[in-house]
Amino acid sequence: MATLSIDKVTKAFGNTTVIPELSLTIEDGEFCVLVGPSGCGKSTLLRIIAGLEPISSGRILVDGVDMSDAEPPERGVAMVFQSYALYPHMDVGRNIGFGLKIARTPAAEILERVSRAAEKLRLGSYLKRKPRELSGGQRQRVAIGRAMTRKPKLFLLDEPLSNLDAALRVGMRVEIARLKAELASTMVYVTHDQVEAMTLADRIVVMNSGRIEQVGTPLELYHRPANLFVAGFIGSPAMNFLKGCVDRVEGNQVTVSLDIGLSLTMPVSKAPQAGVEVTVGIRPEHIVLSAEGQADAFVVKASVVELLGSDTFIHVREGEESLVIRDSGGRMARAGDRIAISLPPRACHLFDKTGQRIFDAAAATEPA
């Protein structure tokens, strides 16, 4: 295990800066996930950590030792790639132990480490098979096993599940979560899938255009997103956003008129001025299905209904605004139905016109 410090690192390709100055510390034994859309710089940052990409400025420190100019083998890292990168002519056992063979590790130790890794990854009965005889999930486990045998200070995983189908991704998420608990290693995991990030991470780093938007635990990002980008990226389905304007401010209470014709009064931690444009965010699962005629009810028309068994997603559109409502109560809604909903003010987030949060999601929707 090791502590990783990224100190004021920048990366440019010619005149194009892909990572402006960025600093981040990943603690010893932490599972840190870098998440963001394609092109946000997360894979480039991972390659910089591995030593596969030189930095333009700044420092990479492992346990306080400057590794900025060190070659990849000197950094004590092991990397698992999206494409598995297995040798097709070697069987599973030789693939897992290949790095040790190159390092001139004694044959008996190679056999012991390969056997131990295969047992942890449930690959013991596949050691004599070639990669072409394995499923996608098994191949990825072989790639992880090859990294494990090197006993690295840092595990780096670059979108390791993106080539798998949906069912295999779920299974491999469970495998990686199990390994995380067993190995207690420092891991840096890159993905564009926020579900992977939420289920695996100790801390999530949300990136956008080479910059860090927010760092926090999965629940911190879910309940207290720093801005519109994080709020829209974390959570599935995404948070609903409604445009509005501040009508009045009274103490720590603000009244917002939404463009859909609804008015909300909510407590704020930092009151905006009356007349300014704001955005109200609310997650689909926090919208309440109400009885028509209820005081705070707002009647909408369902345009699309997705039935997923345990959940129903009801899509509605009011003028230029759209909403997704998540119902776990088994309501049999159909497209065209009129539905009464309410938006609990204490479940809402308020963002200013720059996109920054000016009101936390309420304690009523946030676990203590």
Protein backbone atom coordinates (compact mmCIF):
# COMPACT_ATOMS: atom_id res chain seq x y z
CA MET A 1 0.00 0.00 0.00
CA ALA A 2 1.07 3.60 -0.53
CA THR A 3 -0.02 7.23 -0.35
CA LEU A 4 -0.19 8.93 -3.74
CA SER A 5 0.20 12.71 -4.05
CA ILE A 6 -0.45 14.54 -7.30
CA ASP A 7 1.11 17.96 -6.80
CA LYS A 8 0.19 20.78 -9.21
CA VAL A 9 0.40 18.48 -12.23
CA THR A 10 -0.34 19.83 -15.71
CA LYS A 11 -0.39 18.06 -19.06
CA ALA A 12 -0.31 19.61 -22.51
CA PHE A 13 -0.08 18.11 -25.99
CA GLY A 14 1.61 20.82 -28.01
CA ASN A 15 -0.39 24.00 -27.49
CA THR A 16 -3.40 22.14 -26.14
CA THR A 17 -3.67 21.83 -22.36
CA VAL A 18 -5.70 18.76 -21.43
CA ILE A 19 -5.07 18.90 -17.68
CA PRO A 20 -4.72 22.37 -16.12
CA GLU A 21 -2.99 22.52 -12.74
CA LEU A 22 -4.38 19.68 -10.63
CA SER A 23 -3.60 18.49 -7.11
CA LEU A 24 -4.98 15.42 -5.35
CA THR A 25 -3.94 13.13 -2.49
CA ILE A 26 -5.04 9.48 -2.37
CA GLU A 27 -4.54 7.96 1.05
CA ASP A 28 -2.87 4.68 1.92
CA GLY A 29 -5.33 1.80 1.33
CA GLU A 30 -7.97 4.02 -0.27
CA PHE A 31 -10.09 2.97 -3.26
CA CYS A 32 -10.36 6.19 -5.28
CA VAL A 33 -12.46 6.39 -8.45
CA LEU A 34 -11.84 8.99 -11.16
CA VAL A 35 -15.12 9.52 -12.96
CA GLY A 36 -16.31 11.82 -15.71
CA PRO A 37 -17.45 11.93 -19.33
CA SER A 38 -15.27 10.85 -22.24
CA GLY A 39 -12.46 13.32 -22.86
CA CYS A 40 -12.40 14.73 -19.31
CA GLY A 41 -8.76 13.69 -18.73
CA LYS A 42 -9.26 10.81 -16.28
CA SER A 43 -7.40 8.18 -18.34
CA THR A 44 -4.63 10.65 -19.14
CA LEU A 45 -4.21 11.30 -15.41
CA LEU A 46 -4.05 7.56 -14.73
CA ARG A 47 -1.37 7.12 -17.39
CA ILE A 48 0.59 9.98 -15.81
CA ILE A 49 0.44 8.20 -12.44
CA ALA A 50 1.64 4.98 -14.10
CA GLY A 51 4.53 6.73 -15.83
CA LEU A 52 3.17 5.97 -19.31
CA GLU A 53 2.66 9.67 -20.03
CA PRO A 54 5.16 12.40 -19.10
CA ILE A 55 3.89 15.42 -17.18
CA SER A 56 4.33 18.98 -18.42
CA SER A 57 4.86 20.32 -14.90
CA GLY A 58 4.27 19.35 -11.28
CA ARG A 59 5.17 16.24 -9.29
CA ILE A 60 3.96 12.68 -8.68
CA LEU A 61 4.89 11.43 -5.21
CA VAL A 62 4.50 7.88 -3.88
CA ASP A 63 4.92 7.70 -0.11
CA GLY A 64 6.56 11.12 -0.27
CA VAL A 65 9.15 10.06 -2.87
CA ASP A 66 9.18 12.08 -6.11
CA MET A 67 8.49 9.62 -8.97
CA SER A 68 7.85 12.24 -11.65
CA ASP A 69 10.78 11.09 -13.81
CA ALA A 70 10.82 7.43 -12.77
CA GLU A 71 10.17 4.70 -15.34
CA PRO A 72 6.95 2.65 -14.89
CA PRO A 73 8.71 -0.42 -13.37
CA GLU A 74 10.36 1.81 -10.75
CA ARG A 75 7.08 3.25 -9.48
CA GLY A 76 5.73 0.08 -7.85
CA VAL A 77 2.45 0.22 -9.78
CA ALA A 78 0.43 -2.42 -11.62
CA MET A 79 -2.12 -1.47 -14.24
CA VAL A 80 -5.21 -3.28 -15.51
CA PHE A 81 -6.23 -2.12 -18.98
CA GLN A 82 -9.64 -1.91 -20.62
CA SER A 83 -8.52 -4.29 -23.38
CA TYR A 84 -7.25 -7.05 -21.02
CA ALA A 85 -3.86 -7.09 -22.87
CA LEU A 86 -3.40 -10.86 -22.50
CA TYR A 87 -0.91 -12.89 -24.52
CA PRO A 88 -3.04 -15.16 -26.76
CA HIS A 89 -0.38 -17.90 -27.10
CA MET A 90 0.07 -18.27 -23.31
CA ASP A 91 -2.26 -20.12 -20.97
CA VAL A 92 -3.84 -18.43 -17.95
CA GLY A 93 -1.08 -19.44 -15.55
CA ARG A 94 1.69 -18.10 -17.77
CA ASN A 95 -0.25 -14.88 -18.40
CA ILE A 96 -0.68 -14.28 -14.68
CA GLY A 97 2.96 -14.98 -13.94
CA PHE A 98 4.53 -13.28 -16.96
CA GLY A 99 5.49 -10.07 -15.14
CA LEU A 100 7.21 -12.09 -12.44
CA LYS A 101 9.14 -14.08 -15.03
CA ILE A 102 10.38 -10.87 -16.67
CA ALA A 103 11.49 -9.67 -13.22
CA ARG A 104 13.50 -12.93 -12.87
CA THR A 105 11.49 -14.11 -9.88
CA PRO A 106 12.39 -17.69 -8.84
CA ALA A 107 10.12 -20.32 -10.43
CA ALA A 108 8.89 -21.65 -7.09
CA GLU A 109 7.79 -18.17 -5.98
CA ILE A 110 6.08 -17.56 -9.33
CA LEU A 111 4.12 -20.79 -8.92
CA GLU A 112 3.12 -19.84 -5.38
CA ARG A 113 1.99 -16.31 -6.28
CA VAL A 114 0.10 -17.47 -9.38
CA SER A 115 -1.69 -20.17 -7.39
CA ARG A 116 -2.64 -17.69 -4.66
CA ALA A 117 -3.96 -15.14 -7.16
CA ALA A 118 -5.88 -17.81 -9.09
CA GLU A 119 -7.51 -19.01 -5.88
CA LYS A 120 -8.60 -15.49 -4.89
CA LEU A 121 -10.00 -14.89 -8.39
CA ARG A 122 -11.59 -18.35 -8.71
CA LEU A 123 -9.43 -19.20 -11.72
CA GLY A 124 -7.80 -22.35 -10.31
CA SER A 125 -9.48 -24.67 -12.80
CA TYR A 126 -8.64 -22.44 -15.78
CA LEU A 127 -4.84 -22.18 -15.43
CA LYS A 128 -4.16 -24.34 -18.51
CA ARG A 129 -6.68 -22.59 -20.76
CA LYS A 130 -5.81 -20.01 -23.42
CA PRO A 131 -7.49 -16.57 -23.36
CA ARG A 132 -9.67 -17.47 -26.37
CA GLU A 133 -11.27 -20.23 -24.26
CA LEU A 134 -12.41 -17.77 -21.57
CA SER A 135 -15.38 -15.43 -21.20
CA GLY A 136 -14.87 -11.67 -21.05
CA GLY A 137 -15.23 -11.66 -17.26
CA GLN A 138 -12.70 -14.47 -16.87
CA ARG A 139 -10.19 -12.66 -19.10
CA GLN A 140 -10.54 -9.54 -17.00
CA ARG A 141 -9.93 -11.58 -13.85
CA VAL A 142 -6.75 -12.94 -15.45
CA ALA A 143 -5.59 -9.36 -16.13
CA ILE A 144 -6.32 -8.44 -12.50
CA GLY A 145 -4.46 -11.56 -11.34
CA ARG A 146 -1.39 -10.56 -13.33
CA ALA A 147 -1.42 -7.21 -11.51
CA MET A 148 -1.95 -8.84 -8.12
CA THR A 149 1.07 -11.14 -8.36
CA ARG A 150 3.43 -8.18 -8.60
CA LYS A 151 2.44 -7.00 -5.09
CA PRO A 152 2.30 -3.39 -6.26
CA LYS A 153 2.14 -0.30 -4.08
CA LEU A 154 -0.62 1.05 -6.33
CA PHE A 155 -3.30 -0.73 -8.35
CA LEU A 156 -4.39 1.29 -11.38
CA LEU A 157 -7.51 0.16 -13.26
CA ASP A 158 -8.46 1.88 -16.53
CA GLU A 159 -12.16 1.26 -17.32
CA PRO A 160 -11.73 -2.49 -16.76
CA LEU A 161 -15.42 -3.33 -17.19
CA SER A 162 -16.35 -1.26 -20.24
CA ASN A 163 -15.85 -4.16 -22.70
CA LEU A 164 -18.22 -6.44 -20.78
CA ASP A 165 -21.95 -6.83 -21.29
CA ALA A 166 -24.36 -5.59 -18.62
CA ALA A 167 -24.67 -8.88 -16.71
CA LEU A 168 -20.90 -9.47 -16.64
CA ARG A 169 -20.29 -5.89 -15.48
CA VAL A 170 -22.49 -6.45 -12.44
CA GLY A 171 -20.67 -9.69 -11.62
CA MET A 172 -17.22 -8.15 -12.04
CA ARG A 173 -18.21 -5.16 -9.88
CA VAL A 174 -18.90 -7.62 -7.09
CA GLU A 175 -15.55 -9.36 -7.73
CA ILE A 176 -13.63 -6.08 -7.57
CA ALA A 177 -15.47 -5.02 -4.41
CA ARG A 178 -14.53 -8.36 -2.83
CA LEU A 179 -10.90 -7.98 -3.87
CA LYS A 180 -10.84 -4.43 -2.54
CA ALA A 181 -11.81 -5.73 0.90
CA GLU A 182 -9.36 -8.66 0.79
CA LEU A 183 -6.29 -6.88 -0.58
CA ALA A 184 -6.63 -3.57 1.29
CA SER A 185 -4.44 -2.01 -1.40
CA THR A 186 -4.34 1.57 -2.63
CA MET A 187 -6.39 1.56 -5.83
CA VAL A 188 -7.11 4.19 -8.46
CA TYR A 189 -9.98 3.22 -10.74
CA VAL A 190 -11.07 5.10 -13.87
CA THR A 191 -14.59 4.85 -15.24
CA HIS A 192 -17.25 6.89 -17.03
CA ASP A 193 -19.96 4.83 -15.31
CA GLN A 194 -21.20 6.62 -12.21
CA VAL A 195 -22.88 3.42 -10.95
CA GLU A 196 -19.45 1.75 -10.77
CA ALA A 197 -18.11 4.82 -9.01
CA MET A 198 -20.92 4.89 -6.43
CA THR A 199 -20.76 1.17 -5.62
CA LEU A 200 -16.97 0.74 -5.44
CA ALA A 201 -15.37 3.96 -4.24
CA ASP A 202 -14.22 5.10 -0.84
CA ARG A 203 -13.90 8.52 -2.48
CA ILE A 204 -14.95 9.76 -5.91
CA VAL A 205 -13.13 12.41 -7.94
CA VAL A 206 -15.49 13.96 -10.49
CA MET A 207 -13.56 15.38 -13.45
CA ASN A 208 -14.63 17.68 -16.27
CA SER A 209 -12.38 19.15 -18.98
CA GLY A 210 -9.25 18.14 -17.08
CA ARG A 211 -10.37 19.81 -13.84
CA ILE A 212 -11.64 18.37 -10.59
CA GLU A 213 -15.23 19.44 -10.00
CA GLN A 214 -15.63 17.75 -6.60
CA VAL A 215 -14.00 15.15 -4.37
CA GLY A 216 -15.97 13.27 -1.75
CA THR A 217 -17.55 10.02 -0.61
CA PRO A 218 -20.34 8.61 -2.81
CA LEU A 219 -23.05 9.85 -0.43
CA GLU A 220 -21.45 13.30 -0.09
CA LEU A 221 -21.58 13.73 -3.85
CA TYR A 222 -25.11 12.36 -4.01
CA HIS A 223 -26.56 14.51 -1.23
CA ARG A 224 -24.32 17.59 -1.51
CA PRO A 225 -23.26 18.09 -5.14
CA ALA A 226 -21.04 21.16 -5.48
CA ASN A 227 -22.53 22.29 -8.77
CA LEU A 228 -24.89 21.45 -11.62
CA PHE A 229 -22.31 19.28 -13.37
CA VAL A 230 -21.82 16.97 -10.39
CA ALA A 231 -25.55 16.96 -9.60
CA GLY A 232 -26.36 15.89 -13.14
CA PHE A 233 -23.58 13.32 -13.40
CA ILE A 234 -24.06 11.49 -10.09
CA GLY A 235 -27.32 9.59 -9.74
CA SER A 236 -29.33 7.39 -12.10
CA PRO A 237 -31.63 8.62 -13.53
CA ALA A 238 -30.04 12.04 -13.44
CA MET A 239 -31.29 14.84 -11.21
CA ASN A 240 -34.14 16.94 -12.63
CA PHE A 241 -33.36 20.62 -13.22
CA LEU A 242 -36.03 23.33 -13.36
CA LYS A 243 -35.41 26.96 -14.26
CA GLY A 244 -36.84 29.66 -12.03
CA CYS A 245 -36.48 33.09 -10.48
CA VAL A 246 -36.22 34.25 -6.86
CA ASP A 247 -39.44 36.06 -5.93
CA ARG A 248 -38.61 37.10 -2.39
CA VAL A 249 -36.19 36.48 0.45
CA GLU A 250 -37.25 36.50 4.09
CA GLY A 251 -34.48 35.65 6.57
CA ASN A 252 -33.23 32.20 5.67
CA GLN A 253 -36.30 31.44 3.54
CA VAL A 254 -36.41 32.03 -0.20
CA THR A 255 -39.40 31.73 -2.53
CA VAL A 256 -38.69 30.62 -6.09
CA SER A 257 -41.14 30.80 -9.00
CA LEU A 258 -40.46 27.98 -11.43
CA ASP A 259 -41.04 28.29 -15.16
CA ILE A 260 -43.44 25.32 -15.01
CA GLY A 261 -45.84 27.49 -12.98
CA LEU A 262 -45.03 26.21 -9.51
CA SER A 263 -43.79 28.21 -6.50
CA LEU A 264 -41.48 26.77 -3.84
CA THR A 265 -40.38 28.20 -0.49
CA MET A 266 -37.24 26.65 0.93
CA PRO A 267 -34.57 27.33 3.57
CA VAL A 268 -31.18 28.44 2.29
CA SER A 269 -27.68 28.60 3.72
CA LYS A 270 -26.78 31.63 1.59
CA ALA A 271 -29.68 33.76 0.42
CA PRO A 272 -29.63 35.01 -3.19
CA GLN A 273 -31.08 38.39 -4.11
CA ALA A 274 -34.68 38.71 -5.25
CA GLY A 275 -35.05 38.75 -9.02
CA VAL A 276 -32.01 36.56 -9.82
CA GLU A 277 -32.28 33.48 -12.00
CA VAL A 278 -31.73 30.13 -10.27
CA THR A 279 -32.04 26.43 -11.02
CA VAL A 280 -33.90 24.05 -8.72
CA GLY A 281 -32.76 20.42 -8.74
CA ILE A 282 -34.64 17.42 -7.40
CA ARG A 283 -33.88 13.75 -7.79
CA PRO A 284 -36.51 11.53 -9.45
CA GLU A 285 -36.94 9.43 -6.29
CA HIS A 286 -37.69 12.52 -4.17
CA ILE A 287 -40.68 13.69 -6.23
CA VAL A 288 -43.85 12.68 -4.37
CA LEU A 289 -46.90 11.28 -6.13
CA SER A 290 -49.78 13.14 -4.47
CA ALA A 291 -53.55 13.09 -4.48
CA GLU A 292 -55.07 15.50 -6.99
CA GLY A 293 -56.47 18.55 -5.19
CA GLN A 294 -53.87 18.40 -2.42
CA ALA A 295 -52.64 21.87 -1.47
CA ASP A 296 -49.11 21.55 -2.84
CA ALA A 297 -49.97 19.18 -5.71
CA PHE A 298 -49.12 20.02 -9.31
CA VAL A 299 -50.88 18.07 -12.06
CA VAL A 300 -48.79 16.84 -14.99
CA LYS A 301 -49.36 14.51 -17.92
CA ALA A 302 -47.25 11.38 -18.35
CA SER A 303 -45.64 11.27 -21.79
CA VAL A 304 -43.58 8.07 -21.44
CA VAL A 305 -43.74 5.36 -18.77
CA GLU A 306 -40.90 2.87 -18.27
CA LEU A 307 -41.86 -0.23 -16.29
CA LEU A 308 -38.79 -1.88 -14.76
CA GLY A 309 -40.45 -4.20 -12.28
CA SER A 310 -39.19 -2.84 -8.98
CA ASP A 311 -39.36 0.76 -10.25
CA THR A 312 -41.46 2.79 -12.64
CA PHE A 313 -39.97 5.84 -14.35
CA ILE A 314 -42.60 8.37 -15.40
CA HIS A 315 -41.46 11.01 -17.89
CA VAL A 316 -43.46 14.23 -18.09
CA ARG A 317 -43.01 17.43 -20.06
CA GLU A 318 -44.35 20.87 -19.15
CA GLY A 319 -43.57 23.51 -21.78
CA GLU A 320 -39.78 23.58 -22.19
CA GLU A 321 -39.18 21.67 -18.98
CA SER A 322 -39.08 17.89 -18.51
CA LEU A 323 -39.15 15.73 -15.41
CA VAL A 324 -38.46 12.09 -14.58
CA ILE A 325 -40.34 10.66 -11.59
CA ARG A 326 -39.19 7.44 -9.95
CA ASP A 327 -41.96 5.43 -8.29
CA SER A 328 -41.18 2.33 -6.26
CA GLY A 329 -44.74 1.88 -5.05
CA GLY A 330 -46.03 -0.19 -7.96
CA ARG A 331 -48.26 2.52 -9.42
CA MET A 332 -49.74 1.37 -12.75
CA ALA A 333 -49.28 4.60 -14.68
CA ARG A 334 -49.67 4.79 -18.45
CA ALA A 335 -48.69 7.34 -21.06
CA GLY A 336 -51.38 10.04 -21.17
CA ASP A 337 -52.39 9.70 -17.51
CA ARG A 338 -52.79 12.86 -15.43
CA ILE A 339 -50.60 12.61 -12.34
CA ALA A 340 -50.50 14.88 -9.30
CA ILE A 341 -47.02 15.44 -7.95
CA SER A 342 -45.38 17.61 -5.31
CA LEU A 343 -41.78 18.75 -4.93
CA PRO A 344 -40.85 18.71 -1.22
CA PRO A 345 -38.83 21.92 -0.72
CA ARG A 346 -36.50 20.24 1.76
CA ALA A 347 -35.60 17.63 -0.88
CA CYS A 348 -34.61 20.28 -3.41
CA HIS A 349 -31.21 21.70 -4.31
CA LEU A 350 -30.78 25.34 -5.33
CA PHE A 351 -28.09 26.47 -7.76
CA ASP A 352 -27.17 30.02 -8.76
CA LYS A 353 -26.81 31.20 -12.35
CA THR A 354 -23.13 30.14 -12.39
CA GLY A 355 -24.19 26.58 -11.57
CA GLN A 356 -22.84 26.55 -7.99
CA ARG A 357 -24.95 25.07 -5.19
CA ILE A 358 -26.33 27.61 -2.74
CA PHE A 359 -28.52 25.21 -0.79
CA ASP A 360 -27.78 21.71 0.48
CA ALA A 361 -30.21 18.86 0.04
CA ALA A 362 -32.16 18.78 3.27
CA ALA A 363 -31.51 16.61 6.28
CA ALA A 364 -34.90 15.04 5.60
CA THR A 365 -33.45 13.27 2.56
CA GLU A 366 -29.92 12.82 3.88
CA PRO A 367 -28.92 10.09 6.35
CA ALA A 368 -27.36 11.25 9.58
